[in-house]
PDB file of N, CA and C in Angstrom:
ATOM      1  N   MET A   1       8.751 -18.010 -18.608  1.00  0.00           N
ATOM      2  CA  MET A   1       8.441 -16.787 -17.899  1.00  0.00           C
ATOM      3  C   MET A   1       9.461 -15.722 -18.305  1.00  0.00           C
ATOM      4  N   GLU A   2       8.952 -14.583 -18.645  1.00  0.00           N
ATOM      5  CA  GLU A   2       9.795 -13.475 -19.085  1.00  0.00           C
ATOM      6  C   GLU A   2      10.481 -12.815 -17.894  1.00  0.00           C
ATOM      7  N   ASN A   3      11.818 -12.688 -17.974  1.00  0.00           N
ATOM      8  CA  ASN A   3      12.574 -12.004 -16.929  1.00  0.00           C
ATOM      9  C   ASN A   3      13.004 -10.635 -17.424  1.00  0.00           C
ATOM     10  N   ILE A   4      13.027  -9.682 -16.530  1.00  0.00           N
ATOM     11  CA  ILE A   4      13.385  -8.311 -16.841  1.00  0.00           C
ATOM     12  C   ILE A   4      14.551  -7.925 -15.951  1.00  0.00           C
ATOM     13  N   ILE A   5      15.530  -7.256 -16.523  1.00  0.00           N
ATOM     14  CA  ILE A   5      16.679  -6.794 -15.742  1.00  0.00           C
ATOM     15  C   ILE A   5      16.422  -5.340 -15.362  1.00  0.00           C
ATOM     16  N   LYS A   6      16.409  -5.055 -14.059  1.00  0.00           N
ATOM     17  CA  LYS A   6      16.268  -3.696 -13.527  1.00  0.00           C
ATOM     18  C   LYS A   6      17.459  -3.440 -12.634  1.00  0.00           C
ATOM     19  N   GLY A   7      18.394  -2.628 -13.099  1.00  0.00           N
ATOM     20  CA  GLY A   7      19.603  -2.388 -12.304  1.00  0.00           C
ATOM     21  C   GLY A   7      20.354  -3.689 -12.117  1.00  0.00           C
ATOM     22  N   ASP A   8      20.589  -4.083 -10.870  1.00  0.00           N
ATOM     23  CA  ASP A   8      21.288  -5.326 -10.565  1.00  0.00           C
ATOM     24  C   ASP A   8      20.339  -6.501 -10.353  1.00  0.00           C
ATOM     25  N   PHE A   9      19.037  -6.288 -10.554  1.00  0.00           N
ATOM     26  CA  PHE A   9      18.053  -7.313 -10.232  1.00  0.00           C
ATOM     27  C   PHE A   9      17.397  -7.889 -11.480  1.00  0.00           C
ATOM     28  N   LYS A  10      17.161  -9.188 -11.438  1.00  0.00           N
ATOM     29  CA  LYS A  10      16.390  -9.849 -12.474  1.00  0.00           C
ATOM     30  C   LYS A  10      15.016 -10.139 -11.864  1.00  0.00           C
ATOM     31  N   MET A  11      13.965  -9.707 -12.531  1.00  0.00           N
ATOM     32  CA  MET A  11      12.627  -9.923 -11.994  1.00  0.00           C
ATOM     33  C   MET A  11      11.686 -10.394 -13.087  1.00  0.00           C
ATOM     34  N   THR A  12      10.580 -10.984 -12.651  1.00  0.00           N
ATOM     35  CA  THR A  12       9.557 -11.420 -13.593  1.00  0.00           C
ATOM     36  C   THR A  12       8.711 -10.218 -13.996  1.00  0.00           C
ATOM     37  N   ARG A  13       7.925 -10.374 -15.029  1.00  0.00           N
ATOM     38  CA  ARG A  13       7.015  -9.308 -15.468  1.00  0.00           C
ATOM     39  C   ARG A  13       6.050  -8.958 -14.332  1.00  0.00           C
ATOM     40  N   GLY A  14       5.562  -9.958 -13.621  1.00  0.00           N
ATOM     41  CA  GLY A  14       4.655  -9.713 -12.500  1.00  0.00           C
ATOM     42  C   GLY A  14       5.298  -8.896 -11.398  1.00  0.00           C
ATOM     43  N   GLN A  15       6.555  -9.194 -11.079  1.00  0.00           N
ATOM     44  CA  GLN A  15       7.268  -8.425 -10.065  1.00  0.00           C
ATOM     45  C   GLN A  15       7.452  -6.984 -10.520  1.00  0.00           C
ATOM     46  N   GLU A  16       7.755  -6.804 -11.799  1.00  0.00           N
ATOM     47  CA  GLU A  16       7.918  -5.446 -12.307  1.00  0.00           C
ATOM     48  C   GLU A  16       6.606  -4.672 -12.212  1.00  0.00           C
ATOM     49  N   VAL A  17       5.482  -5.288 -12.578  1.00  0.00           N
ATOM     50  CA  VAL A  17       4.169  -4.623 -12.485  1.00  0.00           C
ATOM     51  C   VAL A  17       3.889  -4.250 -11.036  1.00  0.00           C
ATOM     52  N   PHE A  18       4.156  -5.175 -10.109  1.00  0.00           N
ATOM     53  CA  PHE A  18       3.938  -4.922  -8.685  1.00  0.00           C
ATOM     54  C   PHE A  18       4.758  -3.724  -8.216  1.00  0.00           C
ATOM     55  N   TRP A  19       6.067  -3.724  -8.504  1.00  0.00           N
ATOM     56  CA  TRP A  19       6.924  -2.643  -8.019  1.00  0.00           C
ATOM     57  C   TRP A  19       6.664  -1.322  -8.721  1.00  0.00           C
ATOM     58  N   GLU A  20       6.237  -1.351  -9.958  1.00  0.00           N
ATOM     59  CA  GLU A  20       5.845  -0.110 -10.638  1.00  0.00           C
ATOM     60  C   GLU A  20       4.601   0.476  -9.977  1.00  0.00           C
ATOM     61  N   LYS A  21       3.670  -0.380  -9.556  1.00  0.00           N
ATOM     62  CA  LYS A  21       2.479   0.101  -8.853  1.00  0.00           C
ATOM     63  C   LYS A  21       2.866   0.683  -7.498  1.00  0.00           C
ATOM     64  N   ILE A  22       3.763   0.047  -6.785  1.00  0.00           N
ATOM     65  CA  ILE A  22       4.240   0.573  -5.502  1.00  0.00           C
ATOM     66  C   ILE A  22       4.886   1.942  -5.709  1.00  0.00           C
ATOM     67  N   LYS A  23       5.705   2.065  -6.736  1.00  0.00           N
ATOM     68  CA  LYS A  23       6.352   3.348  -7.040  1.00  0.00           C
ATOM     69  C   LYS A  23       5.310   4.422  -7.339  1.00  0.00           C
ATOM     70  N   ARG A  24       4.267   4.098  -8.093  1.00  0.00           N
ATOM     71  CA  ARG A  24       3.207   5.074  -8.392  1.00  0.00           C
ATOM     72  C   ARG A  24       2.460   5.473  -7.118  1.00  0.00           C
ATOM     73  N   LEU A  25       2.237   4.510  -6.224  1.00  0.00           N
ATOM     74  CA  LEU A  25       1.595   4.839  -4.941  1.00  0.00           C
ATOM     75  C   LEU A  25       2.454   5.822  -4.154  1.00  0.00           C
ATOM     76  N   GLN A  26       3.749   5.568  -4.092  1.00  0.00           N
ATOM     77  CA  GLN A  26       4.653   6.466  -3.380  1.00  0.00           C
ATOM     78  C   GLN A  26       4.614   7.859  -4.004  1.00  0.00           C
ATOM     79  N   ASP A  27       4.674   7.920  -5.331  1.00  0.00           N
ATOM     80  CA  ASP A  27       4.641   9.213  -6.022  1.00  0.00           C
ATOM     81  C   ASP A  27       3.332   9.956  -5.759  1.00  0.00           C
ATOM     82  N   GLU A  28       2.209   9.237  -5.781  1.00  0.00           N
ATOM     83  CA  GLU A  28       0.900   9.850  -5.520  1.00  0.00           C
ATOM     84  C   GLU A  28       0.843  10.439  -4.120  1.00  0.00           C
ATOM     85  N   ILE A  29       1.261   9.656  -3.133  1.00  0.00           N
ATOM     86  CA  ILE A  29       1.197  10.108  -1.745  1.00  0.00           C
ATOM     87  C   ILE A  29       2.146  11.277  -1.518  1.00  0.00           C
ATOM     88  N   LEU A  30       3.325  11.224  -2.097  1.00  0.00           N
ATOM     89  CA  LEU A  30       4.273  12.328  -1.993  1.00  0.00           C
ATOM     90  C   LEU A  30       3.686  13.605  -2.589  1.00  0.00           C
ATOM     91  N   CYS A  31       3.071  13.491  -3.739  1.00  0.00           N
ATOM     92  CA  CYS A  31       2.459  14.648  -4.404  1.00  0.00           C
ATOM     93  C   CYS A  31       1.309  15.224  -3.563  1.00  0.00           C
ATOM     94  N   ILE A  32       0.433  14.364  -3.088  1.00  0.00           N
ATOM     95  CA  ILE A  32      -0.710  14.805  -2.273  1.00  0.00           C
ATOM     96  C   ILE A  32      -0.239  15.550  -1.037  1.00  0.00           C
ATOM     97  N   TYR A  33       0.715  14.970  -0.315  1.00  0.00           N
ATOM     98  CA  TYR A  33       1.139  15.583   0.944  1.00  0.00           C
ATOM     99  C   TYR A  33       2.089  16.750   0.747  1.00  0.00           C
ATOM    100  N   SER A  34       2.729  16.844  -0.384  1.00  0.00           N
ATOM    101  CA  SER A  34       3.510  18.044  -0.680  1.00  0.00           C
ATOM    102  C   SER A  34       2.576  19.246  -0.801  1.00  0.00           C
ATOM    103  N   LEU A  35       1.396  19.013  -1.362  1.00  0.00           N
ATOM    104  CA  LEU A  35       0.414  20.090  -1.511  1.00  0.00           C
ATOM    105  C   LEU A  35      -0.273  20.433  -0.191  1.00  0.00           C
ATOM    106  N   LYS A  36      -0.398  19.467   0.711  1.00  0.00           N
ATOM    107  CA  LYS A  36      -1.084  19.666   1.989  1.00  0.00           C
ATOM    108  C   LYS A  36      -0.156  20.089   3.123  1.00  0.00           C
ATOM    109  N   LEU A  37       1.126  20.104   2.878  1.00  0.00           N
ATOM    110  CA  LEU A  37       2.126  20.311   3.923  1.00  0.00           C
ATOM    111  C   LEU A  37       1.839  21.517   4.818  1.00  0.00           C
ATOM    112  N   SER A  38       1.443  22.631   4.242  1.00  0.00           N
ATOM    113  CA  SER A  38       1.239  23.851   5.028  1.00  0.00           C
ATOM    114  C   SER A  38       0.027  23.765   5.958  1.00  0.00           C
ATOM    115  N   ARG A  39      -0.846  22.799   5.768  1.00  0.00           N
ATOM    116  CA  ARG A  39      -2.041  22.656   6.615  1.00  0.00           C
ATOM    117  C   ARG A  39      -1.744  21.982   7.952  1.00  0.00           C
ATOM    118  N   TYR A  40      -0.556  21.414   8.081  1.00  0.00           N
ATOM    119  CA  TYR A  40      -0.229  20.664   9.290  1.00  0.00           C
ATOM    120  C   TYR A  40       0.488  21.538  10.302  1.00  0.00           C
ATOM    121  N   ASP A  41       0.014  21.459  11.550  1.00  0.00           N
ATOM    122  CA  ASP A  41       0.648  22.197  12.638  1.00  0.00           C
ATOM    123  C   ASP A  41       1.820  21.422  13.234  1.00  0.00           C
ATOM    124  N   THR A  42       1.745  20.094  13.192  1.00  0.00           N
ATOM    125  CA  THR A  42       2.817  19.284  13.774  1.00  0.00           C
ATOM    126  C   THR A  42       3.309  18.237  12.784  1.00  0.00           C
ATOM    127  N   LYS A  43       4.555  17.877  12.938  1.00  0.00           N
ATOM    128  CA  LYS A  43       5.123  16.811  12.107  1.00  0.00           C
ATOM    129  C   LYS A  43       4.431  15.484  12.408  1.00  0.00           C
ATOM    130  N   GLU A  44       4.043  15.304  13.660  1.00  0.00           N
ATOM    131  CA  GLU A  44       3.383  14.057  14.058  1.00  0.00           C
ATOM    132  C   GLU A  44       2.075  13.861  13.291  1.00  0.00           C
ATOM    133  N   ASP A  45       1.265  14.913  13.173  1.00  0.00           N
ATOM    134  CA  ASP A  45       0.014  14.797  12.422  1.00  0.00           C
ATOM    135  C   ASP A  45       0.272  14.501  10.950  1.00  0.00           C
ATOM    136  N   LEU A  46       1.264  15.157  10.388  1.00  0.00           N
ATOM    137  CA  LEU A  46       1.635  14.896   8.994  1.00  0.00           C
ATOM    138  C   LEU A  46       2.046  13.438   8.823  1.00  0.00           C
ATOM    139  N   LEU A  47       2.913  12.972   9.711  1.00  0.00           N
ATOM    140  CA  LEU A  47       3.395  11.598   9.603  1.00  0.00           C
ATOM    141  C   LEU A  47       2.278  10.579   9.820  1.00  0.00           C
ATOM    142  N   LYS A  48       1.354  10.870  10.719  1.00  0.00           N
ATOM    143  CA  LYS A  48       0.196   9.981  10.909  1.00  0.00           C
ATOM    144  C   LYS A  48      -0.573   9.815   9.605  1.00  0.00           C
ATOM    145  N   ASP A  49      -0.835  10.935   8.935  1.00  0.00           N
ATOM    146  CA  ASP A  49      -1.630  10.876   7.710  1.00  0.00           C
ATOM    147  C   ASP A  49      -0.873  10.238   6.550  1.00  0.00           C
ATOM    148  N   VAL A  50       0.406  10.563   6.434  1.00  0.00           N
ATOM    149  CA  VAL A  50       1.209   9.967   5.356  1.00  0.00           C
ATOM    150  C   VAL A  50       1.297   8.453   5.543  1.00  0.00           C
ATOM    151  N   THR A  51       1.596   8.018   6.760  1.00  0.00           N
ATOM    152  CA  THR A  51       1.720   6.577   6.985  1.00  0.00           C
ATOM    153  C   THR A  51       0.365   5.888   6.859  1.00  0.00           C
ATOM    154  N   TYR A  52      -0.707   6.534   7.319  1.00  0.00           N
ATOM    155  CA  TYR A  52      -2.051   5.953   7.170  1.00  0.00           C
ATOM    156  C   TYR A  52      -2.366   5.729   5.687  1.00  0.00           C
ATOM    157  N   ASP A  53      -2.201   6.760   4.872  1.00  0.00           N
ATOM    158  CA  ASP A  53      -2.510   6.637   3.453  1.00  0.00           C
ATOM    159  C   ASP A  53      -1.615   5.622   2.749  1.00  0.00           C
ATOM    160  N   THR A  54      -0.360   5.560   3.153  1.00  0.00           N
ATOM    161  CA  THR A  54       0.556   4.583   2.566  1.00  0.00           C
ATOM    162  C   THR A  54       0.118   3.164   2.904  1.00  0.00           C
ATOM    163  N   ILE A  55      -0.143   2.911   4.172  1.00  0.00           N
ATOM    164  CA  ILE A  55      -0.549   1.574   4.600  1.00  0.00           C
ATOM    165  C   ILE A  55      -1.897   1.206   3.992  1.00  0.00           C
ATOM    166  N   TYR A  56      -2.842   2.132   4.000  1.00  0.00           N
ATOM    167  CA  TYR A  56      -4.161   1.880   3.408  1.00  0.00           C
ATOM    168  C   TYR A  56      -4.026   1.507   1.929  1.00  0.00           C
ATOM    169  N   SER A  57      -3.212   2.254   1.200  1.00  0.00           N
ATOM    170  CA  SER A  57      -3.007   1.981  -0.226  1.00  0.00           C
ATOM    171  C   SER A  57      -2.364   0.616  -0.452  1.00  0.00           C
ATOM    172  N   LEU A  58      -1.406   0.257   0.390  1.00  0.00           N
ATOM    173  CA  LEU A  58      -0.772  -1.059   0.271  1.00  0.00           C
ATOM    174  C   LEU A  58      -1.766  -2.179   0.572  1.00  0.00           C
ATOM    175  N   MET A  59      -2.626  -1.980   1.565  1.00  0.00           N
ATOM    176  CA  MET A  59      -3.645  -2.991   1.877  1.00  0.00           C
ATOM    177  C   MET A  59      -4.641  -3.121   0.715  1.00  0.00           C
ATOM    178  N   GLU A  60      -5.007  -1.992   0.102  1.00  0.00           N
ATOM    179  CA  GLU A  60      -5.873  -2.045  -1.078  1.00  0.00           C
ATOM    180  C   GLU A  60      -5.209  -2.834  -2.207  1.00  0.00           C
ATOM    181  N   LEU A  61      -3.901  -2.641  -2.375  1.00  0.00           N
ATOM    182  CA  LEU A  61      -3.173  -3.374  -3.404  1.00  0.00           C
ATOM    183  C   LEU A  61      -3.205  -4.872  -3.111  1.00  0.00           C
ATOM    184  N   LEU A  62      -2.910  -5.262  -1.873  1.00  0.00           N
ATOM    185  CA  LEU A  62      -2.964  -6.673  -1.493  1.00  0.00           C
ATOM    186  C   LEU A  62      -4.368  -7.250  -1.650  1.00  0.00           C
ATOM    187  N   ASP A  63      -5.378  -6.427  -1.404  1.00  0.00           N
ATOM    188  CA  ASP A  63      -6.767  -6.877  -1.510  1.00  0.00           C
ATOM    189  C   ASP A  63      -7.265  -6.945  -2.954  1.00  0.00           C
ATOM    190  N   GLY A  64      -6.446  -6.458  -3.907  1.00  0.00           N
ATOM    191  CA  GLY A  64      -6.843  -6.498  -5.304  1.00  0.00           C
ATOM    192  C   GLY A  64      -7.661  -5.316  -5.767  1.00  0.00           C
ATOM    193  N   PHE A  65      -7.686  -4.232  -4.984  1.00  0.00           N
ATOM    194  CA  PHE A  65      -8.493  -3.058  -5.320  1.00  0.00           C
ATOM    195  C   PHE A  65      -7.734  -2.018  -6.129  1.00  0.00           C
ATOM    196  N   ARG A  66      -6.427  -2.086  -6.186  1.00  0.00           N
ATOM    197  CA  ARG A  66      -5.619  -1.065  -6.866  1.00  0.00           C
ATOM    198  C   ARG A  66      -5.190  -1.482  -8.270  1.00  0.00           C
ATOM    199  N   ASN A  67      -5.190  -2.769  -8.537  1.00  0.00           N
ATOM    200  CA  ASN A  67      -4.777  -3.271  -9.839  1.00  0.00           C
ATOM    201  C   ASN A  67      -5.435  -4.629 -10.031  1.00  0.00           C
ATOM    202  N   GLU A  68      -6.168  -4.792 -11.105  1.00  0.00           N
ATOM    203  CA  GLU A  68      -6.904  -6.041 -11.323  1.00  0.00           C
ATOM    204  C   GLU A  68      -5.991  -7.250 -11.541  1.00  0.00           C
ATOM    205  N   ASN A  69      -4.719  -7.011 -11.820  1.00  0.00           N
ATOM    206  CA  ASN A  69      -3.778  -8.106 -12.047  1.00  0.00           C
ATOM    207  C   ASN A  69      -2.940  -8.459 -10.822  1.00  0.00           C
ATOM    208  N   ILE A  70      -3.150  -7.740  -9.727  1.00  0.00           N
ATOM    209  CA  ILE A  70      -2.373  -7.984  -8.509  1.00  0.00           C
ATOM    210  C   ILE A  70      -3.331  -8.209  -7.345  1.00  0.00           C
ATOM    211  N   ARG A  71      -3.121  -9.300  -6.647  1.00  0.00           N
ATOM    212  CA  ARG A  71      -3.861  -9.580  -5.411  1.00  0.00           C
ATOM    213  C   ARG A  71      -2.965 -10.446  -4.550  1.00  0.00           C
ATOM    214  N   GLY A  72      -2.802 -10.062  -3.304  1.00  0.00           N
ATOM    215  CA  GLY A  72      -1.981 -10.841  -2.386  1.00  0.00           C
ATOM    216  C   GLY A  72      -2.841 -11.732  -1.520  1.00  0.00           C
ATOM    217  N   ASN A  73      -2.294 -12.842  -1.107  1.00  0.00           N
ATOM    218  CA  ASN A  73      -2.969 -13.736  -0.182  1.00  0.00           C
ATOM    219  C   ASN A  73      -2.106 -13.760   1.075  1.00  0.00           C
ATOM    220  N   VAL A  74      -2.548 -13.060   2.114  1.00  0.00           N
ATOM    221  CA  VAL A  74      -1.767 -12.944   3.345  1.00  0.00           C
ATOM    222  C   VAL A  74      -2.166 -14.101   4.259  1.00  0.00           C
ATOM    223  N   ILE A  75      -1.175 -14.913   4.601  1.00  0.00           N
ATOM    224  CA  ILE A  75      -1.411 -16.137   5.377  1.00  0.00           C
ATOM    225  C   ILE A  75      -0.915 -15.956   6.813  1.00  0.00           C
ATOM    226  N   PHE A  76      -1.769 -16.295   7.776  1.00  0.00           N
ATOM    227  CA  PHE A  76      -1.371 -16.361   9.177  1.00  0.00           C
ATOM    228  C   PHE A  76      -0.737 -17.737   9.364  1.00  0.00           C
ATOM    229  N   LEU A  77       0.584 -17.768   9.491  1.00  0.00           N
ATOM    230  CA  LEU A  77       1.317 -19.030   9.403  1.00  0.00           C
ATOM    231  C   LEU A  77       0.930 -20.061  10.454  1.00  0.00           C
ATOM    232  N   SER A  78       0.605 -19.634  11.675  1.00  0.00           N
ATOM    233  CA  SER A  78       0.302 -20.633  12.707  1.00  0.00           C
ATOM    234  C   SER A  78      -0.979 -21.416  12.405  1.00  0.00           C
ATOM    235  N   SER A  79      -1.915 -20.811  11.674  1.00  0.00           N
ATOM    236  CA  SER A  79      -3.138 -21.536  11.316  1.00  0.00           C
ATOM    237  C   SER A  79      -3.145 -21.978   9.860  1.00  0.00           C
ATOM    238  N   GLY A  80      -2.302 -21.339   9.043  1.00  0.00           N
ATOM    239  CA  GLY A  80      -2.291 -21.647   7.616  1.00  0.00           C
ATOM    240  C   GLY A  80      -3.449 -21.018   6.860  1.00  0.00           C
ATOM    241  N   LYS A  81      -4.210 -20.147   7.531  1.00  0.00           N
ATOM    242  CA  LYS A  81      -5.395 -19.555   6.907  1.00  0.00           C
ATOM    243  C   LYS A  81      -5.116 -18.139   6.426  1.00  0.00           C
ATOM    244  N   SER A  82      -5.772 -17.788   5.344  1.00  0.00           N
ATOM    245  CA  SER A  82      -5.665 -16.447   4.781  1.00  0.00           C
ATOM    246  C   SER A  82      -6.368 -15.456   5.702  1.00  0.00           C
ATOM    247  N   ILE A  83      -5.768 -14.277   5.880  1.00  0.00           N
ATOM    248  CA  ILE A  83      -6.406 -13.248   6.702  1.00  0.00           C
ATOM    249  C   ILE A  83      -7.037 -12.156   5.852  1.00  0.00           C
ATOM    250  N   ASN A  84      -7.016 -12.322   4.533  1.00  0.00           N
ATOM    251  CA  ASN A  84      -7.719 -11.378   3.668  1.00  0.00           C
ATOM    252  C   ASN A  84      -8.471 -12.149   2.585  1.00  0.00           C
ATOM    253  N   SER A  85      -9.593 -11.577   2.173  1.00  0.00           N
ATOM    254  CA  SER A  85     -10.405 -12.175   1.117  1.00  0.00           C
ATOM    255  C   SER A  85     -11.210 -11.073   0.450  1.00  0.00           C
ATOM    256  N   GLU A  86     -11.889 -11.414  -0.631  1.00  0.00           N
ATOM    257  CA  GLU A  86     -12.750 -10.438  -1.306  1.00  0.00           C
ATOM    258  C   GLU A  86     -13.818  -9.908  -0.351  1.00  0.00           C
ATOM    259  N   HIS A  87     -14.320 -10.788   0.508  1.00  0.00           N
ATOM    260  CA  HIS A  87     -15.410 -10.428   1.413  1.00  0.00           C
ATOM    261  C   HIS A  87     -14.932  -9.841   2.737  1.00  0.00           C
ATOM    262  N   ASP A  88     -13.640  -9.947   3.009  1.00  0.00           N
ATOM    263  CA  ASP A  88     -13.067  -9.432   4.252  1.00  0.00           C
ATOM    264  C   ASP A  88     -11.691  -8.828   3.966  1.00  0.00           C
ATOM    265  N   PRO A  89     -11.663  -7.703   3.204  1.00  0.00           N
ATOM    266  CA  PRO A  89     -10.385  -7.118   2.806  1.00  0.00           C
ATOM    267  C   PRO A  89      -9.657  -6.434   3.963  1.00  0.00           C
ATOM    268  N   LEU A  90      -8.330  -6.468   3.883  1.00  0.00           N
ATOM    269  CA  LEU A  90      -7.491  -5.882   4.927  1.00  0.00           C
ATOM    270  C   LEU A  90      -7.690  -4.374   5.078  1.00  0.00           C
ATOM    271  N   HIS A  91      -7.877  -3.667   3.978  1.00  0.00           N
ATOM    272  CA  HIS A  91      -7.953  -2.203   4.070  1.00  0.00           C
ATOM    273  C   HIS A  91      -9.165  -1.735   4.871  1.00  0.00           C
ATOM    274  N   ASN A  92     -10.171  -2.574   5.029  1.00  0.00           N
ATOM    275  CA  ASN A  92     -11.337  -2.198   5.843  1.00  0.00           C
ATOM    276  C   ASN A  92     -10.985  -1.992   7.316  1.00  0.00           C
ATOM    277  N   TYR A  93      -9.891  -2.556   7.769  1.00  0.00           N
ATOM    278  CA  TYR A  93      -9.530  -2.495   9.184  1.00  0.00           C
ATOM    279  C   TYR A  93      -8.600  -1.334   9.536  1.00  0.00           C
ATOM    280  N   CYS A  94      -8.102  -0.626   8.538  1.00  0.00           N
ATOM    281  CA  CYS A  94      -7.148   0.454   8.808  1.00  0.00           C
ATOM    282  C   CYS A  94      -7.700   1.479   9.793  1.00  0.00           C
ATOM    283  N   GLU A  95      -8.929   1.882   9.589  1.00  0.00           N
ATOM    284  CA  GLU A  95      -9.519   2.915  10.445  1.00  0.00           C
ATOM    285  C   GLU A  95      -9.615   2.470  11.903  1.00  0.00           C
ATOM    286  N   ASN A  96      -9.783   1.174  12.134  1.00  0.00           N
ATOM    287  CA  ASN A  96      -9.901   0.654  13.498  1.00  0.00           C
ATOM    288  C   ASN A  96      -8.560   0.595  14.227  1.00  0.00           C
ATOM    289  N   TYR A  97      -7.468   0.523  13.491  1.00  0.00           N
ATOM    290  CA  TYR A  97      -6.168   0.296  14.114  1.00  0.00           C
ATOM    291  C   TYR A  97      -5.169   1.423  13.970  1.00  0.00           C
ATOM    292  N   LEU A  98      -5.292   2.225  12.916  1.00  0.00           N
ATOM    293  CA  LEU A  98      -4.281   3.249  12.646  1.00  0.00           C
ATOM    294  C   LEU A  98      -4.783   4.636  13.004  1.00  0.00           C
ATOM    295  N   SER A  99      -3.871   5.488  13.403  1.00  0.00           N
ATOM    296  CA  SER A  99      -4.206   6.866  13.771  1.00  0.00           C
ATOM    297  C   SER A  99      -4.138   7.766  12.545  1.00  0.00           C
ATOM    298  N   ILE A 100      -5.036   8.764  12.528  1.00  0.00           N
ATOM    299  CA  ILE A 100      -4.979   9.834  11.524  1.00  0.00           C
ATOM    300  C   ILE A 100      -5.171  11.146  12.254  1.00  0.00           C
ATOM    301  N   SER A 101      -4.801  12.240  11.604  1.00  0.00           N
ATOM    302  CA  SER A 101      -4.950  13.556  12.230  1.00  0.00           C
ATOM    303  C   SER A 101      -6.421  13.979  12.181  1.00  0.00           C
ATOM    304  N   LYS A 102      -6.705  15.083  12.784  1.00  0.00           N
ATOM    305  CA  LYS A 102      -8.075  15.606  12.838  1.00  0.00           C
ATOM    306  C   LYS A 102      -8.361  16.593  11.697  1.00  0.00           C
ATOM    307  N   LEU A 103      -7.447  16.721  10.737  1.00  0.00           N
ATOM    308  CA  LEU A 103      -7.655  17.670   9.633  1.00  0.00           C
ATOM    309  C   LEU A 103      -8.853  17.315   8.795  1.00  0.00           C
TER     310      LEU A 103
END
């Protein structure tokens, strides 16, 4: 397995791909909301939308929708069963549980 040195950390190629994707997600969300900043009346509404989009994007990544080479298997430890699958992805539930602004 190929190891890569990043700063003080040694990581596998897979870990590097994962963290590079996370960094791109952060950059995308930062760019989007930098452009939308003036549309928000309250910091709370801005933060709701930023955190919603961040969490939604991370759930898409775990579900395998953001990168064909990355898919997470989230296990509920007390049952040992996966809580996400191709047919029941985590990102589908964001709207039911997370708040967004009315913009």
